[in-house]
Amino acid sequence: WRVGWRDRLAALAHLKDNWDTYGAAPIKIQTIIFASQVLDGIWHPGLPVPAIIPTSGEAVLMEWCESEVEFSLEVRAPYDASYSFEDKSNNSLEEADFQENIARPAALAKALALPKLAHVAA
């Protein structure tokens, strides 16, 4: 799991100016490092590898789409990030910014991973 997303994050460090053909600047290495630290901090057994997407705003977007749940983290810079957790089964949406306290995003990641673990144990 960790090898997969680390390779994807490392690839972002090689983006050049205009990587999206619309003038986007490369993502700063400090932002990539913080994204890696966030992923390390929220990791839980059963959590799938996220889609890792560079944004034209020099951010790293990490997304999980599982059944009726969508969870995303956006790291804009070190200590400047946000999360969104949408559960379509009960029409709930939670969004917030965070700096270094990743307790809530980690709890949401664990909630996303638990159904997978229950399925494996069954």
C-alpha atoms as a PDB file:
ATOM      1  CA  TRP A   1       0.000   0.000   0.000  1.00  0.00           C
ATOM      2  CA  ARG A   2       2.569   2.560   1.076  1.00  0.00           C
ATOM      3  CA  VAL A   3       4.931   1.757  -1.780  1.00  0.00           C
ATOM      4  CA  GLY A   4       2.169   2.465  -4.306  1.00  0.00           C
ATOM      5  CA  TRP A   5       1.302   5.917  -3.061  1.00  0.00           C
ATOM      6  CA  ARG A   6       4.909   6.862  -2.323  1.00  0.00           C
ATOM      7  CA  ASP A   7       5.811   6.173  -5.943  1.00  0.00           C
ATOM      8  CA  ARG A   8       2.853   8.260  -7.110  1.00  0.00           C
ATOM      9  CA  LEU A   9       3.818  11.167  -4.851  1.00  0.00           C
ATOM     10  CA  ALA A  10       7.461  10.928  -5.945  1.00  0.00           C
ATOM     11  CA  ALA A  11       6.349  11.232  -9.570  1.00  0.00           C
ATOM     12  CA  LEU A  12       4.743  14.596  -8.747  1.00  0.00           C
ATOM     13  CA  ALA A  13       8.173  15.971  -7.870  1.00  0.00           C
ATOM     14  CA  HIS A  14       9.151  15.620 -11.531  1.00  0.00           C
ATOM     15  CA  LEU A  15       6.398  17.822 -12.940  1.00  0.00           C
ATOM     16  CA  LYS A  16       7.759  20.793 -14.870  1.00  0.00           C
ATOM     17  CA  ASP A  17       6.349  24.265 -15.525  1.00  0.00           C
ATOM     18  CA  ASN A  18       3.237  24.067 -17.692  1.00  0.00           C
ATOM     19  CA  TRP A  19       2.788  20.346 -16.913  1.00  0.00           C
ATOM     20  CA  ASP A  20      -0.947  20.632 -17.618  1.00  0.00           C
ATOM     21  CA  THR A  21      -0.446  22.737 -20.795  1.00  0.00           C
ATOM     22  CA  TYR A  22      -2.403  25.558 -19.122  1.00  0.00           C
ATOM     23  CA  GLY A  23       0.544  27.183 -17.350  1.00  0.00           C
ATOM     24  CA  ALA A  24       0.465  25.257 -14.055  1.00  0.00           C
ATOM     25  CA  ALA A  25       3.529  25.550 -11.853  1.00  0.00           C
ATOM     26  CA  PRO A  26       5.177  22.424 -10.472  1.00  0.00           C
ATOM     27  CA  ILE A  27       4.152  21.262  -7.016  1.00  0.00           C
ATOM     28  CA  LYS A  28       6.628  22.284  -4.336  1.00  0.00           C
ATOM     29  CA  ILE A  29       8.585  19.448  -2.760  1.00  0.00           C
ATOM     30  CA  GLN A  30       7.539  20.653   0.724  1.00  0.00           C
ATOM     31  CA  THR A  31       3.883  20.166  -0.269  1.00  0.00           C
ATOM     32  CA  ILE A  32       4.624  16.645  -1.519  1.00  0.00           C
ATOM     33  CA  ILE A  33       6.458  15.805   1.708  1.00  0.00           C
ATOM     34  CA  PHE A  34       3.545  17.062   3.824  1.00  0.00           C
ATOM     35  CA  ALA A  35       1.098  15.024   1.708  1.00  0.00           C
ATOM     36  CA  SER A  36       3.244  11.956   2.394  1.00  0.00           C
ATOM     37  CA  GLN A  37       3.235  12.716   6.127  1.00  0.00           C
ATOM     38  CA  VAL A  38      -0.556  13.065   6.100  1.00  0.00           C
ATOM     39  CA  LEU A  39      -0.952   9.722   4.309  1.00  0.00           C
ATOM     40  CA  ASP A  40       1.430   8.075   6.781  1.00  0.00           C
ATOM     41  CA  GLY A  41      -0.634   9.506   9.626  1.00  0.00           C
ATOM     42  CA  ILE A  42      -4.035   8.362   8.377  1.00  0.00           C
ATOM     43  CA  TRP A  43      -2.986   4.927   7.137  1.00  0.00           C
ATOM     44  CA  HIS A  44      -5.048   2.055   8.476  1.00  0.00           C
ATOM     45  CA  PRO A  45      -5.110  -1.608   7.402  1.00  0.00           C
ATOM     46  CA  GLY A  46      -7.767  -2.062   4.749  1.00  0.00           C
ATOM     47  CA  LEU A  47      -7.569   1.485   3.429  1.00  0.00           C
ATOM     48  CA  PRO A  48      -7.233   1.321  -0.363  1.00  0.00           C
ATOM     49  CA  VAL A  49      -4.538   3.222  -2.223  1.00  0.00           C
ATOM     50  CA  PRO A  50      -5.951   6.646  -3.099  1.00  0.00           C
ATOM     51  CA  ALA A  51      -6.022   8.292  -6.472  1.00  0.00           C
ATOM     52  CA  ILE A  52      -3.262  10.915  -6.276  1.00  0.00           C
ATOM     53  CA  ILE A  53      -3.851  13.877  -8.529  1.00  0.00           C
ATOM     54  CA  PRO A  54      -1.812  17.067  -8.988  1.00  0.00           C
ATOM     55  CA  THR A  55      -3.885  20.236  -9.241  1.00  0.00           C
ATOM     56  CA  SER A  56      -3.179  23.341 -11.257  1.00  0.00           C
ATOM     57  CA  GLY A  57      -3.179  25.252  -7.952  1.00  0.00           C
ATOM     58  CA  GLU A  58       0.060  23.505  -6.892  1.00  0.00           C
ATOM     59  CA  ALA A  59      -1.797  21.146  -4.543  1.00  0.00           C
ATOM     60  CA  VAL A  60      -1.948  17.379  -4.133  1.00  0.00           C
ATOM     61  CA  LEU A  61      -5.425  15.849  -4.192  1.00  0.00           C
ATOM     62  CA  MET A  62      -5.915  12.350  -2.764  1.00  0.00           C
ATOM     63  CA  GLU A  63      -9.247  10.631  -3.329  1.00  0.00           C
ATOM     64  CA  TRP A  64     -10.982   7.440  -2.293  1.00  0.00           C
ATOM     65  CA  CYS A  65     -14.305   6.372  -3.810  1.00  0.00           C
ATOM     66  CA  GLU A  66     -15.746   3.284  -2.178  1.00  0.00           C
ATOM     67  CA  SER A  67     -19.345   2.222  -2.696  1.00  0.00           C
ATOM     68  CA  GLU A  68     -21.370   5.176  -1.413  1.00  0.00           C
ATOM     69  CA  VAL A  69     -18.492   6.986   0.312  1.00  0.00           C
ATOM     70  CA  GLU A  70     -16.197   9.602  -1.199  1.00  0.00           C
ATOM     71  CA  PHE A  71     -13.255  10.823   0.869  1.00  0.00           C
ATOM     72  CA  SER A  72     -10.727  13.380  -0.324  1.00  0.00           C
ATOM     73  CA  LEU A  73      -7.762  15.223   1.096  1.00  0.00           C
ATOM     74  CA  GLU A  74      -6.252  18.272  -0.534  1.00  0.00           C
ATOM     75  CA  VAL A  75      -2.797  19.403   0.547  1.00  0.00           C
ATOM     76  CA  ARG A  76      -2.121  22.931  -0.693  1.00  0.00           C
ATOM     77  CA  ALA A  77       1.096  23.513   1.265  1.00  0.00           C
ATOM     78  CA  PRO A  78       2.667  22.282   4.491  1.00  0.00           C
ATOM     79  CA  TYR A  79       0.099  22.752   7.285  1.00  0.00           C
ATOM     80  CA  ASP A  80      -2.532  23.940   4.797  1.00  0.00           C
ATOM     81  CA  ALA A  81      -4.925  21.136   3.907  1.00  0.00           C
ATOM     82  CA  SER A  82      -8.577  20.185   3.845  1.00  0.00           C
ATOM     83  CA  TYR A  83     -10.748  17.096   3.763  1.00  0.00           C
ATOM     84  CA  SER A  84     -14.175  16.168   2.483  1.00  0.00           C
ATOM     85  CA  PHE A  85     -16.102  13.038   3.493  1.00  0.00           C
ATOM     86  CA  GLU A  86     -19.408  12.316   1.807  1.00  0.00           C
ATOM     87  CA  ASP A  87     -21.574   9.332   2.705  1.00  0.00           C
ATOM     88  CA  LYS A  88     -24.353   9.049   0.140  1.00  0.00           C
ATOM     89  CA  SER A  89     -26.105   6.292   2.096  1.00  0.00           C
ATOM     90  CA  ASN A  90     -27.192   8.828   4.722  1.00  0.00           C
ATOM     91  CA  ASN A  91     -26.767  12.075   2.739  1.00  0.00           C
ATOM     92  CA  SER A  92     -24.027  13.376   5.034  1.00  0.00           C
ATOM     93  CA  LEU A  93     -21.161  15.641   4.088  1.00  0.00           C
ATOM     94  CA  GLU A  94     -18.323  16.790   6.313  1.00  0.00           C
ATOM     95  CA  GLU A  95     -15.690  19.265   5.150  1.00  0.00           C
ATOM     96  CA  ALA A  96     -13.001  21.120   7.064  1.00  0.00           C
ATOM     97  CA  ASP A  97      -9.536  22.590   6.847  1.00  0.00           C
ATOM     98  CA  PHE A  98      -6.701  21.217   8.943  1.00  0.00           C
ATOM     99  CA  GLN A  99      -3.111  22.166   9.588  1.00  0.00           C
ATOM    100  CA  GLU A 100      -1.229  19.505  11.530  1.00  0.00           C
ATOM    101  CA  ASN A 101      -3.902  17.790  13.623  1.00  0.00           C
ATOM    102  CA  ILE A 102      -4.960  14.895  11.438  1.00  0.00           C
ATOM    103  CA  ALA A 103      -7.078  13.139  14.075  1.00  0.00           C
ATOM    104  CA  ARG A 104     -10.380  13.701  12.267  1.00  0.00           C
ATOM    105  CA  PRO A 105      -9.121  12.767   8.765  1.00  0.00           C
ATOM    106  CA  ALA A 106      -7.491   9.670  10.322  1.00  0.00           C
ATOM    107  CA  ALA A 107     -10.794   8.665  11.951  1.00  0.00           C
ATOM    108  CA  LEU A 108     -12.596   9.074   8.627  1.00  0.00           C
ATOM    109  CA  ALA A 109      -9.953   6.992   6.839  1.00  0.00           C
ATOM    110  CA  LYS A 110     -10.378   4.286   9.468  1.00  0.00           C
ATOM    111  CA  ALA A 111     -14.147   4.337   8.925  1.00  0.00           C
ATOM    112  CA  LEU A 112     -13.537   3.908   5.197  1.00  0.00           C
ATOM    113  CA  ALA A 113     -11.171   0.976   5.832  1.00  0.00           C
ATOM    114  CA  LEU A 114     -13.332  -0.910   8.350  1.00  0.00           C
ATOM    115  CA  PRO A 115     -15.910  -2.309   5.910  1.00  0.00           C
ATOM    116  CA  LYS A 116     -13.054  -3.809   3.886  1.00  0.00           C
ATOM    117  CA  LEU A 117     -11.622  -5.458   6.999  1.00  0.00           C
ATOM    118  CA  ALA A 118     -15.027  -6.848   7.971  1.00  0.00           C
ATOM    119  CA  HIS A 119     -15.382  -8.352   4.489  1.00  0.00           C
ATOM    120  CA  VAL A 120     -11.930  -9.946   4.679  1.00  0.00           C
ATOM    121  CA  ALA A 121     -12.676 -11.422   8.131  1.00  0.00           C
ATOM    122  CA  ALA A 122     -16.021 -12.896   7.019  1.00  0.00           C
END
